[in-house]
Structure formats: C-alpha cells, structure tokens
C-alpha cells in the first residue's frame, strides 16, 4: 500500500514536471497538458473551493504542483537552450505526449452520459479554438518593452492559459516580444521578473476558476467534450511542417511516437495505481 502511494506520488511529480516544462514552450498550453494528465478538474476544484476540494485531491496535487514548479522554474534555462538547438523536435515530442493521453481524456469525458449537446460542444470547441489560433498566427509582432507591468501582463496570460486549455501564453508572449526576456529572467531567478509574473498568475487563478468549476458541476459532459475539442484544435495548430523525406522527417515522426507511447503508459499506470489504492 505504502509502496503504491510512493510510486504514484513519483509519477504525479513527473507529470507536473512535464506540464511545467511544456508551459514554457511556445505553442504548448499548460492547461492542455493539465487536461491530458487528468489534473484540470482537480485544479479547478481546489482553486474555486479550496477547503472542500483539498480534502479529496491534496495527495495528488501536492506532488503535481511541486513537479510543475520544478519544470517551470528549474528547467526554464534548458527550455531556452533546447529551443535554440531544435525547437521542432521538442514540439514533436510534446505533440506525442498530448496525443498519447487523448484516449484517456475521451474516456473521462464520457463518464457522464454523452448527448447530442456533448458532440456539438466538441465540434464548437474545436472550431472556436482553431479560429482563435489561426488569427493569432496571422498577427504581426507587436513589441512591448520589458518591465514590471509587462511581466505582470505575462503572469496574467500564464494564468489564463492554465484556466483556458488550448491557449498558449508562450505563443502570445512571442507576438509581444516578451517571451525571451521573461524566460531569461526566470532562469536567473530575477525577482523583478518573478514577482510580477507570480502576481499576475495569482490574480487570474483567484478569480476565473470559480466560474469554470460551476460550469463543470452543471454541464460536465458538455464542458468535458468542449475542452477535448480545444485540445484537438491545439494539436492541429502546433503541428510543424515536416521535411518531404529523409532522416529529418523520420526523426520528427519518431519523437511524436515516443511521446505518445510514454504518455499513454504513464496515464494508464497512474489510473491503475489509483484504482489499486482505492481497493486497498
């Protein structure tokens, strides 16, 4: 029993590291990764009704949030280095990580009865997020001078990207010219960057989740399928152009396959450990 809980805790930390690290990557949404690993609903529950939800979810969220902090702050320098070396390989790996969890997300969305409204929400979520991301991609760069207020703005965008799956704050920050200064500040543990960033995230996280949690309580199936549509639209938009042939194409496909297999088995292992813990 104890060994199962320790192993489960380690896996939750690992999932948190992936989410925190992925949230730094342009085009990758932290909220999407939370959905992929089954952490989105517990997080929204804790952020909207902390006392009630923490009694249920604290064992999973404590190691997960710790992992997020390690991935977000501790690996920000590595993210910058890898992006400069070969961003496409890294994006392909994250595409695989998300793809591998889609069967689990579909299964969880169907725990309550699927209706015509559920499938309509799936289509609308996909279409709306696809439209938003296409508009953002077509926009030209608007540069904002780095500073306390601009890093507060970064934090607000980060918070929104966790609450609204599919919206990549890193991509938005690239448009505004704030991504690289923010990443460098985090890797140096610069307080003039980290403090306003944290304040902006806290501002969003303390306000929006209550509404999200209310919608899940009232319309669980519709909301779950809408979010799945958002996740699928995100996958479509972050897919990089592949070389027509050669080793480059094979390496990208290989990265997607590795990520998909790893996340699929990680998600299934976590689910089985949770079932075993409940039976014990």
C-alpha atoms as a PDB file:
ATOM      1  CA  UNK A   1       0.000   0.000   0.000  1.00  0.00           C
ATOM      2  CA  UNK A   2       2.724   2.430   1.050  1.00  0.00           C
ATOM      3  CA  UNK A   3       4.898   1.473  -1.937  1.00  0.00           C
ATOM      4  CA  UNK A   4       1.958   2.087  -4.292  1.00  0.00           C
ATOM      5  CA  UNK A   5       1.429   5.574  -2.893  1.00  0.00           C
ATOM      6  CA  UNK A   6       5.132   6.411  -3.180  1.00  0.00           C
ATOM      7  CA  UNK A   7       5.233   5.252  -6.808  1.00  0.00           C
ATOM      8  CA  UNK A   8       2.034   7.154  -7.571  1.00  0.00           C
ATOM      9  CA  UNK A   9       3.491  10.302  -5.979  1.00  0.00           C
ATOM     10  CA  UNK A  10       6.640   9.996  -8.109  1.00  0.00           C
ATOM     11  CA  UNK A  11       4.513   9.689 -11.252  1.00  0.00           C
ATOM     12  CA  UNK A  12       2.465  12.760 -10.286  1.00  0.00           C
ATOM     13  CA  UNK A  13       5.710  14.724  -9.793  1.00  0.00           C
ATOM     14  CA  UNK A  14       6.862  13.563 -13.238  1.00  0.00           C
ATOM     15  CA  UNK A  15       3.558  14.675 -14.798  1.00  0.00           C
ATOM     16  CA  UNK A  16       3.927  18.050 -13.075  1.00  0.00           C
ATOM     17  CA  UNK A  17       7.449  18.479 -14.445  1.00  0.00           C
ATOM     18  CA  UNK A  18       6.157  17.757 -17.970  1.00  0.00           C
ATOM     19  CA  UNK A  19       3.311  20.281 -17.532  1.00  0.00           C
ATOM     20  CA  UNK A  20       5.581  22.984 -16.079  1.00  0.00           C
ATOM     21  CA  UNK A  21       8.250  22.450 -18.719  1.00  0.00           C
ATOM     22  CA  UNK A  22       5.689  22.288 -21.526  1.00  0.00           C
ATOM     23  CA  UNK A  23       4.010  25.505 -20.372  1.00  0.00           C
ATOM     24  CA  UNK A  24       7.241  27.354 -21.173  1.00  0.00           C
ATOM     25  CA  UNK A  25       7.295  26.066 -24.748  1.00  0.00           C
ATOM     26  CA  UNK A  26       5.755  28.303 -27.441  1.00  0.00           C
ATOM     27  CA  UNK A  27       2.620  26.695 -28.868  1.00  0.00           C
ATOM     28  CA  UNK A  28       2.153  24.338 -25.912  1.00  0.00           C
ATOM     29  CA  UNK A  29      -0.657  25.106 -23.459  1.00  0.00           C
ATOM     30  CA  UNK A  30      -0.196  24.324 -19.779  1.00  0.00           C
ATOM     31  CA  UNK A  31      -3.963  23.925 -19.499  1.00  0.00           C
ATOM     32  CA  UNK A  32      -4.000  21.392 -22.320  1.00  0.00           C
ATOM     33  CA  UNK A  33      -1.341  19.309 -20.572  1.00  0.00           C
ATOM     34  CA  UNK A  34      -3.317  19.500 -17.303  1.00  0.00           C
ATOM     35  CA  UNK A  35      -6.355  18.157 -19.163  1.00  0.00           C
ATOM     36  CA  UNK A  36      -4.202  15.455 -20.775  1.00  0.00           C
ATOM     37  CA  UNK A  37      -2.971  14.160 -17.403  1.00  0.00           C
ATOM     38  CA  UNK A  38      -6.356  14.390 -15.683  1.00  0.00           C
ATOM     39  CA  UNK A  39      -5.365  17.267 -13.405  1.00  0.00           C
ATOM     40  CA  UNK A  40      -7.559  20.025 -14.840  1.00  0.00           C
ATOM     41  CA  UNK A  41     -10.781  19.308 -12.900  1.00  0.00           C
ATOM     42  CA  UNK A  42      -8.999  18.751  -9.544  1.00  0.00           C
ATOM     43  CA  UNK A  43      -7.072  22.019 -10.001  1.00  0.00           C
ATOM     44  CA  UNK A  44     -10.211  23.989 -10.853  1.00  0.00           C
ATOM     45  CA  UNK A  45     -11.965  22.424  -7.870  1.00  0.00           C
ATOM     46  CA  UNK A  46      -9.186  23.369  -5.442  1.00  0.00           C
ATOM     47  CA  UNK A  47      -8.865  26.893  -6.831  1.00  0.00           C
ATOM     48  CA  UNK A  48     -12.609  27.545  -6.582  1.00  0.00           C
ATOM     49  CA  UNK A  49     -13.489  25.706  -3.311  1.00  0.00           C
ATOM     50  CA  UNK A  50     -10.137  25.057  -1.573  1.00  0.00           C
ATOM     51  CA  UNK A  51     -11.339  23.604   1.749  1.00  0.00           C
ATOM     52  CA  UNK A  52     -13.725  21.108   0.205  1.00  0.00           C
ATOM     53  CA  UNK A  53     -11.564  20.042  -2.752  1.00  0.00           C
ATOM     54  CA  UNK A  54      -8.262  19.786  -0.882  1.00  0.00           C
ATOM     55  CA  UNK A  55      -9.689  17.007   1.295  1.00  0.00           C
ATOM     56  CA  UNK A  56     -10.197  14.959  -1.869  1.00  0.00           C
ATOM     57  CA  UNK A  57      -7.278  15.966  -4.053  1.00  0.00           C
ATOM     58  CA  UNK A  58      -4.366  17.066  -1.840  1.00  0.00           C
ATOM     59  CA  UNK A  59      -2.470  13.765  -2.173  1.00  0.00           C
ATOM     60  CA  UNK A  60      -2.287  14.090  -5.964  1.00  0.00           C
ATOM     61  CA  UNK A  61      -1.990  17.866  -6.285  1.00  0.00           C
ATOM     62  CA  UNK A  62       0.861  18.373  -3.800  1.00  0.00           C
ATOM     63  CA  UNK A  63       3.423  16.313  -5.784  1.00  0.00           C
ATOM     64  CA  UNK A  64       1.951  17.524  -9.077  1.00  0.00           C
ATOM     65  CA  UNK A  65       2.318  21.235  -8.184  1.00  0.00           C
ATOM     66  CA  UNK A  66       5.833  20.563  -6.884  1.00  0.00           C
ATOM     67  CA  UNK A  67       6.667  18.988 -10.246  1.00  0.00           C
ATOM     68  CA  UNK A  68       5.149  21.977 -12.070  1.00  0.00           C
ATOM     69  CA  UNK A  69       7.405  24.345 -10.113  1.00  0.00           C
ATOM     70  CA  UNK A  70      10.477  22.252 -10.959  1.00  0.00           C
ATOM     71  CA  UNK A  71       9.559  22.115 -14.648  1.00  0.00           C
ATOM     72  CA  UNK A  72       8.576  25.774 -14.923  1.00  0.00           C
ATOM     73  CA  UNK A  73      11.376  27.435 -12.936  1.00  0.00           C
ATOM     74  CA  UNK A  74      14.105  24.820 -12.724  1.00  0.00           C
ATOM     75  CA  UNK A  75      14.071  23.838 -16.401  1.00  0.00           C
ATOM     76  CA  UNK A  76      13.472  27.257 -17.975  1.00  0.00           C
ATOM     77  CA  UNK A  77      17.167  27.540 -18.904  1.00  0.00           C
ATOM     78  CA  UNK A  78      17.053  24.079 -20.501  1.00  0.00           C
ATOM     79  CA  UNK A  79      13.933  25.081 -22.446  1.00  0.00           C
ATOM     80  CA  UNK A  80      15.709  28.128 -23.855  1.00  0.00           C
ATOM     81  CA  UNK A  81      18.741  26.021 -24.852  1.00  0.00           C
ATOM     82  CA  UNK A  82      16.657  23.283 -26.497  1.00  0.00           C
ATOM     83  CA  UNK A  83      14.513  25.810 -28.362  1.00  0.00           C
ATOM     84  CA  UNK A  84      17.658  27.315 -29.874  1.00  0.00           C
ATOM     85  CA  UNK A  85      19.074  23.866 -30.756  1.00  0.00           C
ATOM     86  CA  UNK A  86      15.992  22.328 -32.432  1.00  0.00           C
ATOM     87  CA  UNK A  87      12.558  23.605 -31.480  1.00  0.00           C
ATOM     88  CA  UNK A  88      10.744  21.321 -33.948  1.00  0.00           C
ATOM     89  CA  UNK A  89      11.979  18.102 -32.326  1.00  0.00           C
ATOM     90  CA  UNK A  90      10.853  19.375 -28.918  1.00  0.00           C
ATOM     91  CA  UNK A  91       7.419  20.417 -30.216  1.00  0.00           C
ATOM     92  CA  UNK A  92       7.001  16.991 -31.853  1.00  0.00           C
ATOM     93  CA  UNK A  93       7.767  15.324 -28.529  1.00  0.00           C
ATOM     94  CA  UNK A  94       5.039  17.381 -26.827  1.00  0.00           C
ATOM     95  CA  UNK A  95       2.596  16.632 -29.657  1.00  0.00           C
ATOM     96  CA  UNK A  96       3.190  12.951 -28.916  1.00  0.00           C
ATOM     97  CA  UNK A  97       2.772  13.497 -25.170  1.00  0.00           C
ATOM     98  CA  UNK A  98      -0.649  15.086 -25.761  1.00  0.00           C
ATOM     99  CA  UNK A  99      -1.716  12.541 -28.399  1.00  0.00           C
ATOM    100  CA  UNK A 100      -0.975   9.635 -26.086  1.00  0.00           C
ATOM    101  CA  UNK A 101      -3.420  10.954 -23.489  1.00  0.00           C
ATOM    102  CA  UNK A 102      -6.331  11.640 -25.895  1.00  0.00           C
ATOM    103  CA  UNK A 103      -7.895   8.151 -25.351  1.00  0.00           C
ATOM    104  CA  UNK A 104      -7.888   8.783 -21.590  1.00  0.00           C
ATOM    105  CA  UNK A 105      -9.386  12.263 -21.991  1.00  0.00           C
ATOM    106  CA  UNK A 106     -12.117  10.812 -24.263  1.00  0.00           C
ATOM    107  CA  UNK A 107     -12.820   8.083 -21.712  1.00  0.00           C
ATOM    108  CA  UNK A 108     -13.059  10.577 -18.831  1.00  0.00           C
ATOM    109  CA  UNK A 109     -15.313  12.894 -20.848  1.00  0.00           C
ATOM    110  CA  UNK A 110     -17.731  10.006 -21.332  1.00  0.00           C
ATOM    111  CA  UNK A 111     -18.073   9.104 -17.649  1.00  0.00           C
ATOM    112  CA  UNK A 112     -21.324  11.039 -17.665  1.00  0.00           C
ATOM    113  CA  UNK A 113     -23.827  10.323 -20.456  1.00  0.00           C
ATOM    114  CA  UNK A 114     -22.813  11.577 -23.918  1.00  0.00           C
ATOM    115  CA  UNK A 115     -25.593  13.546 -25.594  1.00  0.00           C
ATOM    116  CA  UNK A 116     -26.051  15.411 -28.868  1.00  0.00           C
ATOM    117  CA  UNK A 117     -25.012  18.522 -26.910  1.00  0.00           C
ATOM    118  CA  UNK A 118     -21.742  16.807 -25.970  1.00  0.00           C
ATOM    119  CA  UNK A 119     -20.788  16.195 -29.608  1.00  0.00           C
ATOM    120  CA  UNK A 120     -21.925  19.701 -30.560  1.00  0.00           C
ATOM    121  CA  UNK A 121     -19.707  21.119 -27.808  1.00  0.00           C
ATOM    122  CA  UNK A 122     -16.796  19.006 -29.106  1.00  0.00           C
ATOM    123  CA  UNK A 123     -17.209  20.487 -32.597  1.00  0.00           C
ATOM    124  CA  UNK A 124     -17.695  24.051 -31.363  1.00  0.00           C
ATOM    125  CA  UNK A 125     -14.716  23.836 -29.018  1.00  0.00           C
ATOM    126  CA  UNK A 126     -12.554  22.599 -31.882  1.00  0.00           C
ATOM    127  CA  UNK A 127     -13.805  25.232 -34.376  1.00  0.00           C
ATOM    128  CA  UNK A 128     -13.611  28.217 -31.992  1.00  0.00           C
ATOM    129  CA  UNK A 129     -10.116  27.426 -30.716  1.00  0.00           C
ATOM    130  CA  UNK A 130      -8.899  26.712 -34.241  1.00  0.00           C
ATOM    131  CA  UNK A 131     -10.229  30.109 -35.354  1.00  0.00           C
ATOM    132  CA  UNK A 132      -8.596  31.938 -32.430  1.00  0.00           C
ATOM    133  CA  UNK A 133      -5.231  30.264 -33.006  1.00  0.00           C
ATOM    134  CA  UNK A 134      -5.320  30.968 -36.761  1.00  0.00           C
ATOM    135  CA  UNK A 135      -5.988  34.666 -36.065  1.00  0.00           C
ATOM    136  CA  UNK A 136      -3.124  34.799 -33.572  1.00  0.00           C
ATOM    137  CA  UNK A 137      -0.786  33.074 -36.007  1.00  0.00           C
ATOM    138  CA  UNK A 138      -1.574  35.600 -38.736  1.00  0.00           C
ATOM    139  CA  UNK A 139      -0.983  38.610 -36.478  1.00  0.00           C
ATOM    140  CA  UNK A 140       2.222  40.594 -36.822  1.00  0.00           C
ATOM    141  CA  UNK A 141       4.617  41.048 -33.896  1.00  0.00           C
ATOM    142  CA  UNK A 142       3.729  43.883 -31.505  1.00  0.00           C
ATOM    143  CA  UNK A 143       6.708  44.642 -29.266  1.00  0.00           C
ATOM    144  CA  UNK A 144       6.164  45.621 -25.621  1.00  0.00           C
ATOM    145  CA  UNK A 145       9.065  46.970 -23.572  1.00  0.00           C
ATOM    146  CA  UNK A 146      10.073  44.555 -20.754  1.00  0.00           C
ATOM    147  CA  UNK A 147       9.352  45.880 -17.252  1.00  0.00           C
ATOM    148  CA  UNK A 148       7.314  45.293 -14.095  1.00  0.00           C
ATOM    149  CA  UNK A 149       3.944  45.996 -15.771  1.00  0.00           C
ATOM    150  CA  UNK A 150       4.755  43.934 -18.836  1.00  0.00           C
ATOM    151  CA  UNK A 151       5.809  40.968 -16.660  1.00  0.00           C
ATOM    152  CA  UNK A 152       2.565  41.376 -14.695  1.00  0.00           C
ATOM    153  CA  UNK A 153       0.819  41.114 -18.074  1.00  0.00           C
ATOM    154  CA  UNK A 154       2.879  37.940 -18.754  1.00  0.00           C
ATOM    155  CA  UNK A 155       1.623  36.466 -15.487  1.00  0.00           C
ATOM    156  CA  UNK A 156      -1.995  37.235 -16.391  1.00  0.00           C
ATOM    157  CA  UNK A 157      -1.528  35.454 -19.730  1.00  0.00           C
ATOM    158  CA  UNK A 158       0.106  32.473 -17.991  1.00  0.00           C
ATOM    159  CA  UNK A 159      -2.818  32.222 -15.592  1.00  0.00           C
ATOM    160  CA  UNK A 160      -5.351  32.370 -18.414  1.00  0.00           C
ATOM    161  CA  UNK A 161      -3.525  29.621 -20.329  1.00  0.00           C
ATOM    162  CA  UNK A 162      -3.886  27.264 -17.338  1.00  0.00           C
ATOM    163  CA  UNK A 163      -7.558  28.070 -16.825  1.00  0.00           C
ATOM    164  CA  UNK A 164      -8.388  28.064 -20.560  1.00  0.00           C
ATOM    165  CA  UNK A 165      -6.913  24.872 -22.111  1.00  0.00           C
ATOM    166  CA  UNK A 166      -5.512  25.265 -25.616  1.00  0.00           C
ATOM    167  CA  UNK A 167      -4.444  28.878 -25.244  1.00  0.00           C
ATOM    168  CA  UNK A 168      -0.646  29.041 -25.259  1.00  0.00           C
ATOM    169  CA  UNK A 169       0.630  32.035 -23.323  1.00  0.00           C
ATOM    170  CA  UNK A 170       4.145  31.421 -24.690  1.00  0.00           C
ATOM    171  CA  UNK A 171       2.880  31.938 -28.235  1.00  0.00           C
ATOM    172  CA  UNK A 172       1.175  35.194 -27.246  1.00  0.00           C
ATOM    173  CA  UNK A 173       4.314  36.389 -25.488  1.00  0.00           C
ATOM    174  CA  UNK A 174       6.327  35.723 -28.641  1.00  0.00           C
ATOM    175  CA  UNK A 175       3.953  38.036 -30.522  1.00  0.00           C
ATOM    176  CA  UNK A 176       4.587  40.792 -27.957  1.00  0.00           C
ATOM    177  CA  UNK A 177       8.371  40.280 -27.817  1.00  0.00           C
ATOM    178  CA  UNK A 178       8.278  39.360 -24.116  1.00  0.00           C
ATOM    179  CA  UNK A 179       8.996  35.633 -24.285  1.00  0.00           C
ATOM    180  CA  UNK A 180      12.808  35.703 -24.311  1.00  0.00           C
ATOM    181  CA  UNK A 181      13.214  38.430 -21.623  1.00  0.00           C
ATOM    182  CA  UNK A 182      10.762  36.574 -19.378  1.00  0.00           C
ATOM    183  CA  UNK A 183      12.482  33.207 -19.888  1.00  0.00           C
ATOM    184  CA  UNK A 184      15.919  34.675 -19.155  1.00  0.00           C
ATOM    185  CA  UNK A 185      14.592  36.365 -16.006  1.00  0.00           C
ATOM    186  CA  UNK A 186      13.068  33.121 -14.711  1.00  0.00           C
ATOM    187  CA  UNK A 187      16.271  31.149 -15.364  1.00  0.00           C
ATOM    188  CA  UNK A 188      18.258  33.799 -13.394  1.00  0.00           C
ATOM    189  CA  UNK A 189      15.633  33.815 -10.586  1.00  0.00           C
ATOM    190  CA  UNK A 190      15.304  37.576 -11.104  1.00  0.00           C
ATOM    191  CA  UNK A 191      12.782  38.946  -8.576  1.00  0.00           C
ATOM    192  CA  UNK A 192      11.750  41.933 -10.784  1.00  0.00           C
ATOM    193  CA  UNK A 193      10.574  39.290 -13.292  1.00  0.00           C
ATOM    194  CA  UNK A 194       9.305  36.507 -10.998  1.00  0.00           C
ATOM    195  CA  UNK A 195       7.311  38.649  -8.526  1.00  0.00           C
ATOM    196  CA  UNK A 196       5.077  40.484 -11.039  1.00  0.00           C
ATOM    197  CA  UNK A 197       4.763  37.245 -13.022  1.00  0.00           C
ATOM    198  CA  UNK A 198       3.515  35.430  -9.904  1.00  0.00           C
ATOM    199  CA  UNK A 199       1.172  38.318  -9.027  1.00  0.00           C
ATOM    200  CA  UNK A 200      -0.420  38.238 -12.485  1.00  0.00           C
ATOM    201  CA  UNK A 201      -0.924  34.472 -12.332  1.00  0.00           C
ATOM    202  CA  UNK A 202      -2.422  34.721  -8.828  1.00  0.00           C
ATOM    203  CA  UNK A 203      -4.843  37.437  -9.969  1.00  0.00           C
ATOM    204  CA  UNK A 204      -6.300  35.162 -12.652  1.00  0.00           C
ATOM    205  CA  UNK A 205      -6.183  31.943 -10.645  1.00  0.00           C
ATOM    206  CA  UNK A 206      -8.106  33.512  -7.743  1.00  0.00           C
ATOM    207  CA  UNK A 207     -10.927  34.761  -9.985  1.00  0.00           C
ATOM    208  CA  UNK A 208     -11.642  32.601 -13.059  1.00  0.00           C
ATOM    209  CA  UNK A 209     -11.691  29.002 -11.684  1.00  0.00           C
ATOM    210  CA  UNK A 210     -14.925  29.527  -9.707  1.00  0.00           C
ATOM    211  CA  UNK A 211     -16.849  30.074 -12.936  1.00  0.00           C
ATOM    212  CA  UNK A 212     -15.161  27.114 -14.622  1.00  0.00           C
ATOM    213  CA  UNK A 213     -15.903  24.816 -11.676  1.00  0.00           C
ATOM    214  CA  UNK A 214     -19.565  25.919 -11.637  1.00  0.00           C
ATOM    215  CA  UNK A 215     -19.923  25.040 -15.322  1.00  0.00           C
ATOM    216  CA  UNK A 216     -18.423  21.585 -14.763  1.00  0.00           C
ATOM    217  CA  UNK A 217     -20.848  20.896 -11.935  1.00  0.00           C
ATOM    218  CA  UNK A 218     -23.836  21.902 -14.035  1.00  0.00           C
ATOM    219  CA  UNK A 219     -22.773  20.723 -17.516  1.00  0.00           C
ATOM    220  CA  UNK A 220     -19.978  18.180 -17.003  1.00  0.00           C
ATOM    221  CA  UNK A 221     -20.365  16.230 -20.259  1.00  0.00           C
ATOM    222  CA  UNK A 222     -20.738  19.328 -22.443  1.00  0.00           C
ATOM    223  CA  UNK A 223     -17.754  21.107 -20.835  1.00  0.00           C
ATOM    224  CA  UNK A 224     -15.539  17.992 -20.950  1.00  0.00           C
ATOM    225  CA  UNK A 225     -16.221  17.476 -24.671  1.00  0.00           C
ATOM    226  CA  UNK A 226     -15.722  21.178 -25.445  1.00  0.00           C
ATOM    227  CA  UNK A 227     -12.300  21.039 -23.772  1.00  0.00           C
ATOM    228  CA  UNK A 228     -11.426  17.893 -25.722  1.00  0.00           C
ATOM    229  CA  UNK A 229     -12.258  19.831 -28.904  1.00  0.00           C
ATOM    230  CA  UNK A 230      -9.952  22.622 -27.759  1.00  0.00           C
ATOM    231  CA  UNK A 231      -7.138  20.124 -27.131  1.00  0.00           C
ATOM    232  CA  UNK A 232      -7.541  18.620 -30.624  1.00  0.00           C
ATOM    233  CA  UNK A 233      -7.517  22.098 -32.232  1.00  0.00           C
ATOM    234  CA  UNK A 234      -4.306  22.910 -30.357  1.00  0.00           C
ATOM    235  CA  UNK A 235      -2.690  19.746 -31.717  1.00  0.00           C
ATOM    236  CA  UNK A 236      -3.612  20.707 -35.277  1.00  0.00           C
ATOM    237  CA  UNK A 237      -2.144  24.211 -34.932  1.00  0.00           C
ATOM    238  CA  UNK A 238       1.154  23.301 -33.265  1.00  0.00           C
ATOM    239  CA  UNK A 239       1.956  20.603 -35.843  1.00  0.00           C
ATOM    240  CA  UNK A 240       5.209  21.766 -37.528  1.00  0.00           C
ATOM    241  CA  UNK A 241       5.901  21.436 -41.270  1.00  0.00           C
ATOM    242  CA  UNK A 242       7.736  18.169 -41.956  1.00  0.00           C
ATOM    243  CA  UNK A 243      10.551  17.704 -44.483  1.00  0.00           C
ATOM    244  CA  UNK A 244       9.312  15.896 -47.605  1.00  0.00           C
ATOM    245  CA  UNK A 245      11.628  12.946 -46.922  1.00  0.00           C
ATOM    246  CA  UNK A 246      14.868  11.866 -45.262  1.00  0.00           C
ATOM    247  CA  UNK A 247      16.109  11.471 -41.696  1.00  0.00           C
ATOM    248  CA  UNK A 248      14.570  14.762 -40.559  1.00  0.00           C
ATOM    249  CA  UNK A 249      11.066  13.521 -41.309  1.00  0.00           C
ATOM    250  CA  UNK A 250      11.729  10.179 -39.601  1.00  0.00           C
ATOM    251  CA  UNK A 251      13.171  11.861 -36.502  1.00  0.00           C
ATOM    252  CA  UNK A 252      10.074  14.081 -36.127  1.00  0.00           C
ATOM    253  CA  UNK A 253       7.713  11.108 -36.513  1.00  0.00           C
ATOM    254  CA  UNK A 254       9.871   9.156 -34.059  1.00  0.00           C
ATOM    255  CA  UNK A 255       9.637  11.933 -31.457  1.00  0.00           C
ATOM    256  CA  UNK A 256       5.845  12.019 -31.792  1.00  0.00           C
ATOM    257  CA  UNK A 257       5.683   8.228 -31.412  1.00  0.00           C
ATOM    258  CA  UNK A 258       7.997   8.226 -28.364  1.00  0.00           C
ATOM    259  CA  UNK A 259       5.985  10.979 -26.675  1.00  0.00           C
ATOM    260  CA  UNK A 260       2.647   9.268 -27.426  1.00  0.00           C
ATOM    261  CA  UNK A 261       3.748   5.860 -26.118  1.00  0.00           C
ATOM    262  CA  UNK A 262       5.348   7.368 -22.994  1.00  0.00           C
ATOM    263  CA  UNK A 263       2.333   9.486 -22.034  1.00  0.00           C
ATOM    264  CA  UNK A 264      -0.171   6.712 -22.832  1.00  0.00           C
ATOM    265  CA  UNK A 265       1.516   4.257 -20.495  1.00  0.00           C
ATOM    266  CA  UNK A 266       2.157   6.949 -17.872  1.00  0.00           C
ATOM    267  CA  UNK A 267      -1.545   7.876 -17.844  1.00  0.00           C
ATOM    268  CA  UNK A 268      -2.651   4.219 -17.692  1.00  0.00           C
ATOM    269  CA  UNK A 269      -0.161   3.412 -14.924  1.00  0.00           C
ATOM    270  CA  UNK A 270      -1.416   6.361 -12.833  1.00  0.00           C
ATOM    271  CA  UNK A 271      -5.026   5.231 -13.366  1.00  0.00           C
ATOM    272  CA  UNK A 272      -4.261   1.646 -12.315  1.00  0.00           C
ATOM    273  CA  UNK A 273      -2.335   2.774  -9.244  1.00  0.00           C
ATOM    274  CA  UNK A 274      -5.278   4.997  -8.250  1.00  0.00           C
ATOM    275  CA  UNK A 275      -7.659   2.025  -8.622  1.00  0.00           C
ATOM    276  CA  UNK A 276      -5.349  -0.224  -6.590  1.00  0.00           C
ATOM    277  CA  UNK A 277      -5.111   2.419  -3.820  1.00  0.00           C
ATOM    278  CA  UNK A 278      -8.905   2.715  -3.647  1.00  0.00           C
ATOM    279  CA  UNK A 279      -9.293  -1.083  -3.330  1.00  0.00           C
ATOM    280  CA  UNK A 280      -6.663  -1.341  -0.578  1.00  0.00           C
END
